[in-house]
Amino acid sequence: MVNRGILIDIVDMTPAIDMWEFLEATKRIYSLENQAETEDRLRALKLKDNANSDEMDNHYQSSNALYLEGKGVGVTLNERLRIQLFLKSPPHDFKLVRHLYLEKSELPH
C-alpha cells in the first residue's frame, strides 16, 4: 500500500513502470538505510510469551511479510538464515521446541 503522502506524486502516472521508477529514484527503495531498517525489524520480531494459536499465526504471517518486504528493498536472506531468525523469535518457553527442531532437521544451505 502506498502512503497517501506519496500517492499524490504518482496518482496521475499511468504505466506502473513510471510509478516504480519515480519511487525508486525519489524514495531510494534500495538504499542501505532501507535494507538495514528492514533487516533490523526482521531480527527484532519476537513472539510474545504464552501466545495462543491466533497470535502464533499472526507472528508467522508478520515474519513472512517482513521477509517479503526485505526482498522488495534488496535484502538478501538465504533460506537458512530466514529459518534461523524465525526460530529465534519465540520466547524462552519455546526453547525446547527450537532445540529439537534444530537437532532433528537438516536446514537448507
PDB file of N, CA and C in Angstrom:
ATOM      1  N   MET A   1       0.846  -1.174   0.000  1.00  0.00           N
ATOM      2  CA  MET A   1       0.000   0.000   0.000  1.00  0.00           C
ATOM      3  C   MET A   1       0.895   1.242   0.000  1.00  0.00           C
ATOM      4  N   VAL A   2       0.537   2.197  -0.790  1.00  0.00           N
ATOM      5  CA  VAL A   2       1.300   3.432  -0.908  1.00  0.00           C
ATOM      6  C   VAL A   2       0.778   4.445   0.101  1.00  0.00           C
ATOM      7  N   ASN A   3       1.696   5.082   0.802  1.00  0.00           N
ATOM      8  CA  ASN A   3       1.366   6.138   1.740  1.00  0.00           C
ATOM      9  C   ASN A   3       0.643   7.254   1.002  1.00  0.00           C
ATOM     10  N   ARG A   4      -0.376   7.848   1.617  1.00  0.00           N
ATOM     11  CA  ARG A   4      -1.156   8.905   0.957  1.00  0.00           C
ATOM     12  C   ARG A   4      -0.297  10.118   0.598  1.00  0.00           C
ATOM     13  N   GLY A   5       0.740  10.375   1.389  1.00  0.00           N
ATOM     14  CA  GLY A   5       1.639  11.484   1.090  1.00  0.00           C
ATOM     15  C   GLY A   5       2.421  11.263  -0.193  1.00  0.00           C
ATOM     16  N   ILE A   6       2.698  10.014  -0.511  1.00  0.00           N
ATOM     17  CA  ILE A   6       3.414   9.663  -1.735  1.00  0.00           C
ATOM     18  C   ILE A   6       2.422   9.502  -2.889  1.00  0.00           C
ATOM     19  N   LEU A   7       1.226   9.059  -2.586  1.00  0.00           N
ATOM     20  CA  LEU A   7       0.208   8.814  -3.609  1.00  0.00           C
ATOM     21  C   LEU A   7      -0.040  10.054  -4.471  1.00  0.00           C
ATOM     22  N   ILE A   8      -0.003  11.236  -3.852  1.00  0.00           N
ATOM     23  CA  ILE A   8      -0.247  12.464  -4.611  1.00  0.00           C
ATOM     24  C   ILE A   8       0.782  12.657  -5.722  1.00  0.00           C
ATOM     25  N   ASP A   9       2.004  12.142  -5.507  1.00  0.00           N
ATOM     26  CA  ASP A   9       3.063  12.276  -6.511  1.00  0.00           C
ATOM     27  C   ASP A   9       2.886  11.320  -7.687  1.00  0.00           C
ATOM     28  N   ILE A  10       2.213  10.205  -7.469  1.00  0.00           N
ATOM     29  CA  ILE A  10       2.135   9.184  -8.521  1.00  0.00           C
ATOM     30  C   ILE A  10       0.734   8.952  -9.070  1.00  0.00           C
ATOM     31  N   VAL A  11      -0.272   9.615  -8.519  1.00  0.00           N
ATOM     32  CA  VAL A  11      -1.655   9.346  -8.879  1.00  0.00           C
ATOM     33  C   VAL A  11      -1.935   9.550 -10.367  1.00  0.00           C
ATOM     34  N   ASP A  12      -1.251  10.466 -11.013  1.00  0.00           N
ATOM     35  CA  ASP A  12      -1.506  10.727 -12.429  1.00  0.00           C
ATOM     36  C   ASP A  12      -0.596   9.951 -13.364  1.00  0.00           C
ATOM     37  N   MET A  13       0.286   9.137 -12.820  1.00  0.00           N
ATOM     38  CA  MET A  13       1.175   8.332 -13.662  1.00  0.00           C
ATOM     39  C   MET A  13       0.417   7.097 -14.119  1.00  0.00           C
ATOM     40  N   THR A  14       0.457   6.813 -15.412  1.00  0.00           N
ATOM     41  CA  THR A  14      -0.295   5.681 -15.934  1.00  0.00           C
ATOM     42  C   THR A  14       0.486   4.378 -15.916  1.00  0.00           C
ATOM     43  N   PRO A  15       1.600   4.288 -16.626  1.00  0.00           N
ATOM     44  CA  PRO A  15       2.290   2.993 -16.600  1.00  0.00           C
ATOM     45  C   PRO A  15       2.917   2.733 -15.225  1.00  0.00           C
ATOM     46  N   ALA A  16       2.793   1.520 -14.774  1.00  0.00           N
ATOM     47  CA  ALA A  16       3.353   1.142 -13.480  1.00  0.00           C
ATOM     48  C   ALA A  16       4.860   1.376 -13.441  1.00  0.00           C
ATOM     49  N   ILE A  17       5.528   1.208 -14.577  1.00  0.00           N
ATOM     50  CA  ILE A  17       6.976   1.398 -14.602  1.00  0.00           C
ATOM     51  C   ILE A  17       7.332   2.845 -14.281  1.00  0.00           C
ATOM     52  N   ASP A  18       6.514   3.812 -14.710  1.00  0.00           N
ATOM     53  CA  ASP A  18       6.770   5.214 -14.367  1.00  0.00           C
ATOM     54  C   ASP A  18       6.657   5.423 -12.859  1.00  0.00           C
ATOM     55  N   MET A  19       5.641   4.813 -12.261  1.00  0.00           N
ATOM     56  CA  MET A  19       5.465   4.916 -10.813  1.00  0.00           C
ATOM     57  C   MET A  19       6.673   4.321 -10.096  1.00  0.00           C
ATOM     58  N   TRP A  20       7.057   3.127 -10.525  1.00  0.00           N
ATOM     59  CA  TRP A  20       8.166   2.435  -9.874  1.00  0.00           C
ATOM     60  C   TRP A  20       9.463   3.229 -10.006  1.00  0.00           C
ATOM     61  N   GLU A  21       9.739   3.729 -11.193  1.00  0.00           N
ATOM     62  CA  GLU A  21      10.973   4.490 -11.402  1.00  0.00           C
ATOM     63  C   GLU A  21      10.980   5.760 -10.558  1.00  0.00           C
ATOM     64  N   PHE A  22       9.825   6.420 -10.449  1.00  0.00           N
ATOM     65  CA  PHE A  22       9.734   7.607  -9.604  1.00  0.00           C
ATOM     66  C   PHE A  22      10.014   7.252  -8.149  1.00  0.00           C
ATOM     67  N   LEU A  23       9.341   6.216  -7.668  1.00  0.00           N
ATOM     68  CA  LEU A  23       9.532   5.811  -6.272  1.00  0.00           C
ATOM     69  C   LEU A  23      10.968   5.363  -6.010  1.00  0.00           C
ATOM     70  N   GLU A  24      11.512   4.631  -6.947  1.00  0.00           N
ATOM     71  CA  GLU A  24      12.880   4.153  -6.808  1.00  0.00           C
ATOM     72  C   GLU A  24      13.865   5.326  -6.756  1.00  0.00           C
ATOM     73  N   ALA A  25      13.660   6.317  -7.606  1.00  0.00           N
ATOM     74  CA  ALA A  25      14.571   7.465  -7.679  1.00  0.00           C
ATOM     75  C   ALA A  25      14.409   8.409  -6.487  1.00  0.00           C
ATOM     76  N   THR A  26      13.178   8.647  -6.076  1.00  0.00           N
ATOM     77  CA  THR A  26      12.960   9.659  -5.037  1.00  0.00           C
ATOM     78  C   THR A  26      12.939   9.090  -3.627  1.00  0.00           C
ATOM     79  N   LYS A  27      12.574   7.873  -3.486  1.00  0.00           N
ATOM     80  CA  LYS A  27      12.446   7.289  -2.146  1.00  0.00           C
ATOM     81  C   LYS A  27      13.584   6.338  -1.803  1.00  0.00           C
ATOM     82  N   ARG A  28      14.490   6.161  -2.748  1.00  0.00           N
ATOM     83  CA  ARG A  28      15.669   5.314  -2.552  1.00  0.00           C
ATOM     84  C   ARG A  28      15.279   3.951  -1.962  1.00  0.00           C
ATOM     85  N   ILE A  29      14.425   3.262  -2.690  1.00  0.00           N
ATOM     86  CA  ILE A  29      13.899   1.976  -2.253  1.00  0.00           C
ATOM     87  C   ILE A  29      15.010   0.995  -1.905  1.00  0.00           C
ATOM     88  N   TYR A  30      16.074   0.976  -2.716  1.00  0.00           N
ATOM     89  CA  TYR A  30      17.147   0.017  -2.484  1.00  0.00           C
ATOM     90  C   TYR A  30      18.283   0.599  -1.644  1.00  0.00           C
ATOM     91  N   SER A  31      18.022   1.656  -0.897  1.00  0.00           N
ATOM     92  CA  SER A  31      19.079   2.284  -0.119  1.00  0.00           C
ATOM     93  C   SER A  31      19.548   1.354   1.001  1.00  0.00           C
ATOM     94  N   LEU A  32      20.784   1.532   1.391  1.00  0.00           N
ATOM     95  CA  LEU A  32      21.331   0.750   2.504  1.00  0.00           C
ATOM     96  C   LEU A  32      20.543   1.003   3.777  1.00  0.00           C
ATOM     97  N   GLU A  33      20.033   2.221   3.924  1.00  0.00           N
ATOM     98  CA  GLU A  33      19.233   2.552   5.102  1.00  0.00           C
ATOM     99  C   GLU A  33      17.951   1.717   5.147  1.00  0.00           C
ATOM    100  N   ASN A  34      17.238   1.623   4.013  1.00  0.00           N
ATOM    101  CA  ASN A  34      16.019   0.807   3.953  1.00  0.00           C
ATOM    102  C   ASN A  34      16.335  -0.663   4.211  1.00  0.00           C
ATOM    103  N   GLN A  35      17.418  -1.137   3.632  1.00  0.00           N
ATOM    104  CA  GLN A  35      17.805  -2.535   3.811  1.00  0.00           C
ATOM    105  C   GLN A  35      18.129  -2.815   5.280  1.00  0.00           C
ATOM    106  N   ALA A  36      18.913  -1.944   5.901  1.00  0.00           N
ATOM    107  CA  ALA A  36      19.294  -2.147   7.298  1.00  0.00           C
ATOM    108  C   ALA A  36      18.083  -2.073   8.219  1.00  0.00           C
ATOM    109  N   GLU A  37      17.193  -1.119   7.959  1.00  0.00           N
ATOM    110  CA  GLU A  37      15.993  -0.976   8.788  1.00  0.00           C
ATOM    111  C   GLU A  37      15.104  -2.221   8.704  1.00  0.00           C
ATOM    112  N   THR A  38      14.924  -2.727   7.498  1.00  0.00           N
ATOM    113  CA  THR A  38      14.082  -3.912   7.317  1.00  0.00           C
ATOM    114  C   THR A  38      14.731  -5.138   7.963  1.00  0.00           C
ATOM    115  N   GLU A  39      16.039  -5.280   7.783  1.00  0.00           N
ATOM    116  CA  GLU A  39      16.726  -6.414   8.402  1.00  0.00           C
ATOM    117  C   GLU A  39      16.679  -6.310   9.926  1.00  0.00           C
ATOM    118  N   ASP A  40      16.811  -5.116  10.478  1.00  0.00           N
ATOM    119  CA  ASP A  40      16.696  -4.922  11.926  1.00  0.00           C
ATOM    120  C   ASP A  40      15.314  -5.328  12.423  1.00  0.00           C
ATOM    121  N   ARG A  41      14.271  -4.960  11.655  1.00  0.00           N
ATOM    122  CA  ARG A  41      12.906  -5.324  12.048  1.00  0.00           C
ATOM    123  C   ARG A  41      12.712  -6.835  12.009  1.00  0.00           C
ATOM    124  N   LEU A  42      13.328  -7.509  11.032  1.00  0.00           N
ATOM    125  CA  LEU A  42      13.256  -8.970  10.967  1.00  0.00           C
ATOM    126  C   LEU A  42      13.925  -9.595  12.187  1.00  0.00           C
ATOM    127  N   ARG A  43      15.089  -9.084  12.549  1.00  0.00           N
ATOM    128  CA  ARG A  43      15.832  -9.628  13.686  1.00  0.00           C
ATOM    129  C   ARG A  43      15.149  -9.312  15.017  1.00  0.00           C
ATOM    130  N   ALA A  44      14.396  -8.226  15.074  1.00  0.00           N
ATOM    131  CA  ALA A  44      13.748  -7.815  16.316  1.00  0.00           C
ATOM    132  C   ALA A  44      12.377  -8.450  16.516  1.00  0.00           C
ATOM    133  N   LEU A  45      11.837  -9.089  15.491  1.00  0.00           N
ATOM    134  CA  LEU A  45      10.494  -9.672  15.588  1.00  0.00           C
ATOM    135  C   LEU A  45      10.485 -10.788  16.632  1.00  0.00           C
ATOM    136  N   LYS A  46       9.633 -10.653  17.624  1.00  0.00           N
ATOM    137  CA  LYS A  46       9.556 -11.636  18.704  1.00  0.00           C
ATOM    138  C   LYS A  46       8.098 -12.002  18.969  1.00  0.00           C
ATOM    139  N   LEU A  47       7.880 -13.273  19.204  1.00  0.00           N
ATOM    140  CA  LEU A  47       6.559 -13.751  19.613  1.00  0.00           C
ATOM    141  C   LEU A  47       6.421 -13.513  21.108  1.00  0.00           C
ATOM    142  N   LYS A  48       5.281 -13.036  21.539  1.00  0.00           N
ATOM    143  CA  LYS A  48       5.100 -12.739  22.958  1.00  0.00           C
ATOM    144  C   LYS A  48       4.956 -14.024  23.775  1.00  0.00           C
ATOM    145  N   ASP A  49       5.233 -13.931  25.057  1.00  0.00           N
ATOM    146  CA  ASP A  49       5.104 -15.071  25.967  1.00  0.00           C
ATOM    147  C   ASP A  49       3.659 -15.564  26.000  1.00  0.00           C
ATOM    148  N   ASN A  50       3.515 -16.870  26.174  1.00  0.00           N
ATOM    149  CA  ASN A  50       2.207 -17.513  26.318  1.00  0.00           C
ATOM    150  C   ASN A  50       1.258 -17.187  25.168  1.00  0.00           C
ATOM    151  N   ALA A  51       1.783 -17.146  23.975  1.00  0.00           N
ATOM    152  CA  ALA A  51       0.972 -16.816  22.800  1.00  0.00           C
ATOM    153  C   ALA A  51      -0.025 -17.933  22.506  1.00  0.00           C
ATOM    154  N   ASN A  52      -1.222 -17.540  22.078  1.00  0.00           N
ATOM    155  CA  ASN A  52      -2.214 -18.537  21.670  1.00  0.00           C
ATOM    156  C   ASN A  52      -2.018 -18.828  20.179  1.00  0.00           C
ATOM    157  N   SER A  53      -2.809 -19.726  19.636  1.00  0.00           N
ATOM    158  CA  SER A  53      -2.609 -20.155  18.254  1.00  0.00           C
ATOM    159  C   SER A  53      -2.832 -19.012  17.251  1.00  0.00           C
ATOM    160  N   ASP A  54      -3.787 -18.125  17.520  1.00  0.00           N
ATOM    161  CA  ASP A  54      -4.007 -16.986  16.623  1.00  0.00           C
ATOM    162  C   ASP A  54      -2.805 -16.044  16.631  1.00  0.00           C
ATOM    163  N   GLU A  55      -2.253 -15.804  17.803  1.00  0.00           N
ATOM    164  CA  GLU A  55      -1.080 -14.935  17.914  1.00  0.00           C
ATOM    165  C   GLU A  55       0.133 -15.567  17.230  1.00  0.00           C
ATOM    166  N   MET A  56       0.248 -16.888  17.335  1.00  0.00           N
ATOM    167  CA  MET A  56       1.342 -17.584  16.644  1.00  0.00           C
ATOM    168  C   MET A  56       1.180 -17.459  15.127  1.00  0.00           C
ATOM    169  N   ASP A  57      -0.042 -17.619  14.657  1.00  0.00           N
ATOM    170  CA  ASP A  57      -0.306 -17.487  13.224  1.00  0.00           C
ATOM    171  C   ASP A  57      -0.010 -16.065  12.746  1.00  0.00           C
ATOM    172  N   ASN A  58      -0.438 -15.069  13.516  1.00  0.00           N
ATOM    173  CA  ASN A  58      -0.153 -13.674  13.166  1.00  0.00           C
ATOM    174  C   ASN A  58       1.350 -13.405  13.153  1.00  0.00           C
ATOM    175  N   HIS A  59       2.053 -14.005  14.092  1.00  0.00           N
ATOM    176  CA  HIS A  59       3.514 -13.843  14.161  1.00  0.00           C
ATOM    177  C   HIS A  59       4.167 -14.440  12.909  1.00  0.00           C
ATOM    178  N   TYR A  60       3.705 -15.610  12.502  1.00  0.00           N
ATOM    179  CA  TYR A  60       4.238 -16.256  11.301  1.00  0.00           C
ATOM    180  C   TYR A  60       3.971 -15.392  10.070  1.00  0.00           C
ATOM    181  N   GLN A  61       2.755 -14.868   9.969  1.00  0.00           N
ATOM    182  CA  GLN A  61       2.406 -14.005   8.843  1.00  0.00           C
ATOM    183  C   GLN A  61       3.228 -12.716   8.852  1.00  0.00           C
ATOM    184  N   SER A  62       3.450 -12.143  10.033  1.00  0.00           N
ATOM    185  CA  SER A  62       4.276 -10.933  10.144  1.00  0.00           C
ATOM    186  C   SER A  62       5.705 -11.213   9.716  1.00  0.00           C
ATOM    187  N   SER A  63       6.215 -12.364  10.111  1.00  0.00           N
ATOM    188  CA  SER A  63       7.569 -12.752   9.727  1.00  0.00           C
ATOM    189  C   SER A  63       7.686 -12.863   8.211  1.00  0.00           C
ATOM    190  N   ASN A  64       6.728 -13.531   7.594  1.00  0.00           N
ATOM    191  CA  ASN A  64       6.740 -13.679   6.133  1.00  0.00           C
ATOM    192  C   ASN A  64       6.572 -12.333   5.427  1.00  0.00           C
ATOM    193  N   ALA A  65       5.716 -11.461   5.976  1.00  0.00           N
ATOM    194  CA  ALA A  65       5.514 -10.142   5.376  1.00  0.00           C
ATOM    195  C   ALA A  65       6.801  -9.315   5.437  1.00  0.00           C
ATOM    196  N   LEU A  66       7.502  -9.392   6.555  1.00  0.00           N
ATOM    197  CA  LEU A  66       8.772  -8.664   6.670  1.00  0.00           C
ATOM    198  C   LEU A  66       9.825  -9.249   5.740  1.00  0.00           C
ATOM    199  N   TYR A  67       9.830 -10.560   5.602  1.00  0.00           N
ATOM    200  CA  TYR A  67      10.767 -11.202   4.681  1.00  0.00           C
ATOM    201  C   TYR A  67      10.496 -10.723   3.250  1.00  0.00           C
ATOM    202  N   LEU A  68       9.225 -10.684   2.865  1.00  0.00           N
ATOM    203  CA  LEU A  68       8.846 -10.208   1.538  1.00  0.00           C
ATOM    204  C   LEU A  68       9.211  -8.731   1.365  1.00  0.00           C
ATOM    205  N   GLU A  69       8.971  -7.931   2.399  1.00  0.00           N
ATOM    206  CA  GLU A  69       9.348  -6.521   2.360  1.00  0.00           C
ATOM    207  C   GLU A  69      10.864  -6.382   2.182  1.00  0.00           C
ATOM    208  N   GLY A  70      11.605  -7.225   2.887  1.00  0.00           N
ATOM    209  CA  GLY A  70      13.067  -7.212   2.755  1.00  0.00           C
ATOM    210  C   GLY A  70      13.507  -7.514   1.338  1.00  0.00           C
ATOM    211  N   LYS A  71      12.885  -8.516   0.729  1.00  0.00           N
ATOM    212  CA  LYS A  71      13.217  -8.831  -0.668  1.00  0.00           C
ATOM    213  C   LYS A  71      12.922  -7.643  -1.564  1.00  0.00           C
ATOM    214  N   GLY A  72      11.850  -6.914  -1.253  1.00  0.00           N
ATOM    215  CA  GLY A  72      11.454  -5.767  -2.055  1.00  0.00           C
ATOM    216  C   GLY A  72      12.418  -4.601  -1.997  1.00  0.00           C
ATOM    217  N   VAL A  73      13.199  -4.516  -0.922  1.00  0.00           N
ATOM    218  CA  VAL A  73      14.167  -3.418  -0.806  1.00  0.00           C
ATOM    219  C   VAL A  73      15.593  -3.891  -1.026  1.00  0.00           C
ATOM    220  N   GLY A  74      15.733  -5.162  -1.418  1.00  0.00           N
ATOM    221  CA  GLY A  74      17.061  -5.658  -1.774  1.00  0.00           C
ATOM    222  C   GLY A  74      17.808  -6.398  -0.684  1.00  0.00           C
ATOM    223  N   VAL A  75      17.143  -6.739   0.418  1.00  0.00           N
ATOM    224  CA  VAL A  75      17.794  -7.526   1.464  1.00  0.00           C
ATOM    225  C   VAL A  75      17.902  -8.958   0.974  1.00  0.00           C
ATOM    226  N   THR A  76      19.080  -9.532   1.062  1.00  0.00           N
ATOM    227  CA  THR A  76      19.261 -10.913   0.630  1.00  0.00           C
ATOM    228  C   THR A  76      19.450 -11.798   1.857  1.00  0.00           C
ATOM    229  N   LEU A  77      18.428 -12.570   2.155  1.00  0.00           N
ATOM    230  CA  LEU A  77      18.482 -13.539   3.244  1.00  0.00           C
ATOM    231  C   LEU A  77      18.290 -14.915   2.627  1.00  0.00           C
ATOM    232  N   ASN A  78      19.254 -15.787   2.841  1.00  0.00           N
ATOM    233  CA  ASN A  78      19.060 -17.134   2.323  1.00  0.00           C
ATOM    234  C   ASN A  78      18.049 -17.874   3.203  1.00  0.00           C
ATOM    235  N   GLU A  79      17.575 -18.985   2.724  1.00  0.00           N
ATOM    236  CA  GLU A  79      16.526 -19.736   3.430  1.00  0.00           C
ATOM    237  C   GLU A  79      16.981 -20.177   4.817  1.00  0.00           C
ATOM    238  N   ARG A  80      18.240 -20.544   4.944  1.00  0.00           N
ATOM    239  CA  ARG A  80      18.775 -20.983   6.238  1.00  0.00           C
ATOM    240  C   ARG A  80      18.683 -19.860   7.278  1.00  0.00           C
ATOM    241  N   LEU A  81      19.116 -18.666   6.893  1.00  0.00           N
ATOM    242  CA  LEU A  81      19.066 -17.532   7.828  1.00  0.00           C
ATOM    243  C   LEU A  81      17.620 -17.162   8.143  1.00  0.00           C
ATOM    244  N   ARG A  82      16.769 -17.230   7.163  1.00  0.00           N
ATOM    245  CA  ARG A  82      15.343 -16.937   7.383  1.00  0.00           C
ATOM    246  C   ARG A  82      14.761 -17.887   8.436  1.00  0.00           C
ATOM    247  N   ILE A  83      15.070 -19.161   8.328  1.00  0.00           N
ATOM    248  CA  ILE A  83      14.583 -20.144   9.298  1.00  0.00           C
ATOM    249  C   ILE A  83      15.187 -19.877  10.670  1.00  0.00           C
ATOM    250  N   GLN A  84      16.481 -19.605  10.710  1.00  0.00           N
ATOM    251  CA  GLN A  84      17.136 -19.339  11.985  1.00  0.00           C
ATOM    252  C   GLN A  84      16.542 -18.115  12.679  1.00  0.00           C
ATOM    253  N   LEU A  85      16.296 -17.056  11.929  1.00  0.00           N
ATOM    254  CA  LEU A  85      15.692 -15.859  12.521  1.00  0.00           C
ATOM    255  C   LEU A  85      14.305 -16.162  13.063  1.00  0.00           C
ATOM    256  N   PHE A  86      13.535 -16.939  12.305  1.00  0.00           N
ATOM    257  CA  PHE A  86      12.186 -17.274  12.768  1.00  0.00           C
ATOM    258  C   PHE A  86      12.248 -18.134  14.027  1.00  0.00           C
ATOM    259  N   LEU A  87      13.168 -19.089  14.065  1.00  0.00           N
ATOM    260  CA  LEU A  87      13.276 -19.966  15.235  1.00  0.00           C
ATOM    261  C   LEU A  87      13.776 -19.229  16.476  1.00  0.00           C
ATOM    262  N   LYS A  88      14.470 -18.122  16.287  1.00  0.00           N
ATOM    263  CA  LYS A  88      14.924 -17.327  17.419  1.00  0.00           C
ATOM    264  C   LYS A  88      13.843 -16.389  17.930  1.00  0.00           C
ATOM    265  N   SER A  89      12.757 -16.245  17.204  1.00  0.00           N
ATOM    266  CA  SER A  89      11.745 -15.259  17.563  1.00  0.00           C
ATOM    267  C   SER A  89      10.804 -15.674  18.705  1.00  0.00           C
ATOM    268  N   PRO A  90      10.535 -16.966  18.914  1.00  0.00           N
ATOM    269  CA  PRO A  90       9.663 -17.304  20.042  1.00  0.00           C
ATOM    270  C   PRO A  90      10.352 -17.059  21.386  1.00  0.00           C
ATOM    271  N   PRO A  91       9.556 -16.852  22.438  1.00  0.00           N
ATOM    272  CA  PRO A  91      10.120 -16.605  23.765  1.00  0.00           C
ATOM    273  C   PRO A  91      10.751 -17.861  24.359  1.00  0.00           C
ATOM    274  N   HIS A  92      11.267 -17.713  25.544  1.00  0.00           N
ATOM    275  CA  HIS A  92      12.007 -18.777  26.219  1.00  0.00           C
ATOM    276  C   HIS A  92      11.203 -20.077  26.354  1.00  0.00           C
ATOM    277  N   ASP A  93       9.890 -19.999  26.535  1.00  0.00           N
ATOM    278  CA  ASP A  93       9.096 -21.206  26.729  1.00  0.00           C
ATOM    279  C   ASP A  93       9.058 -22.102  25.491  1.00  0.00           C
ATOM    280  N   PHE A  94       9.581 -21.645  24.361  1.00  0.00           N
ATOM    281  CA  PHE A  94       9.668 -22.470  23.156  1.00  0.00           C
ATOM    282  C   PHE A  94      11.082 -23.023  22.955  1.00  0.00           C
ATOM    283  N   LYS A  95      11.943 -22.824  23.930  1.00  0.00           N
ATOM    284  CA  LYS A  95      13.347 -23.208  23.783  1.00  0.00           C
ATOM    285  C   LYS A  95      13.494 -24.686  23.436  1.00  0.00           C
ATOM    286  N   LEU A  96      12.743 -25.560  24.077  1.00  0.00           N
ATOM    287  CA  LEU A  96      12.834 -26.995  23.824  1.00  0.00           C
ATOM    288  C   LEU A  96      12.413 -27.310  22.390  1.00  0.00           C
ATOM    289  N   VAL A  97      11.334 -26.730  21.926  1.00  0.00           N
ATOM    290  CA  VAL A  97      10.867 -26.963  20.558  1.00  0.00           C
ATOM    291  C   VAL A  97      11.933 -26.528  19.557  1.00  0.00           C
ATOM    292  N   ARG A  98      12.495 -25.354  19.779  1.00  0.00           N
ATOM    293  CA  ARG A  98      13.546 -24.832  18.903  1.00  0.00           C
ATOM    294  C   ARG A  98      14.745 -25.780  18.885  1.00  0.00           C
ATOM    295  N   HIS A  99      15.166 -26.230  20.059  1.00  0.00           N
ATOM    296  CA  HIS A  99      16.313 -27.136  20.162  1.00  0.00           C
ATOM    297  C   HIS A  99      16.038 -28.452  19.425  1.00  0.00           C
ATOM    298  N   LEU A 100      14.856 -29.045  19.646  1.00  0.00           N
ATOM    299  CA  LEU A 100      14.518 -30.302  18.986  1.00  0.00           C
ATOM    300  C   LEU A 100      14.465 -30.141  17.477  1.00  0.00           C
ATOM    301  N   TYR A 101      13.925 -29.032  17.003  1.00  0.00           N
ATOM    302  CA  TYR A 101      13.859 -28.801  15.564  1.00  0.00           C
ATOM    303  C   TYR A 101      15.260 -28.709  14.968  1.00  0.00           C
ATOM    304  N   LEU A 102      16.113 -27.947  15.606  1.00  0.00           N
ATOM    305  CA  LEU A 102      17.464 -27.768  15.085  1.00  0.00           C
ATOM    306  C   LEU A 102      18.271 -29.060  15.142  1.00  0.00           C
ATOM    307  N   GLU A 103      18.028 -29.884  16.146  1.00  0.00           N
ATOM    308  CA  GLU A 103      18.738 -31.154  16.275  1.00  0.00           C
ATOM    309  C   GLU A 103      18.263 -32.171  15.241  1.00  0.00           C
ATOM    310  N   LYS A 104      17.002 -32.192  14.926  1.00  0.00           N
ATOM    311  CA  LYS A 104      16.415 -33.204  14.043  1.00  0.00           C
ATOM    312  C   LYS A 104      16.370 -32.782  12.585  1.00  0.00           C
ATOM    313  N   SER A 105      16.407 -31.494  12.329  1.00  0.00           N
ATOM    314  CA  SER A 105      16.203 -31.010  10.965  1.00  0.00           C
ATOM    315  C   SER A 105      17.525 -30.712  10.282  1.00  0.00           C
ATOM    316  N   GLU A 106      17.501 -30.937   9.018  1.00  0.00           N
ATOM    317  CA  GLU A 106      18.611 -30.512   8.173  1.00  0.00           C
ATOM    318  C   GLU A 106      18.179 -29.199   7.544  1.00  0.00           C
ATOM    319  N   LEU A 107      18.789 -28.101   7.999  1.00  0.00           N
ATOM    320  CA  LEU A 107      18.427 -26.804   7.461  1.00  0.00           C
ATOM    321  C   LEU A 107      19.024 -26.632   6.080  1.00  0.00           C
ATOM    322  N   PRO A 108      18.311 -25.951   5.194  1.00  0.00           N
ATOM    323  CA  PRO A 108      18.867 -25.682   3.862  1.00  0.00           C
ATOM    324  C   PRO A 108      20.110 -24.815   3.959  1.00  0.00           C
ATOM    325  N   HIS A 109      20.960 -24.913   2.975  1.00  0.00           N
ATOM    326  CA  HIS A 109      22.190 -24.094   2.978  1.00  0.00           C
ATOM    327  C   HIS A 109      22.033 -22.888   2.121  1.00  0.00           C
TER     328      HIS A 109
END
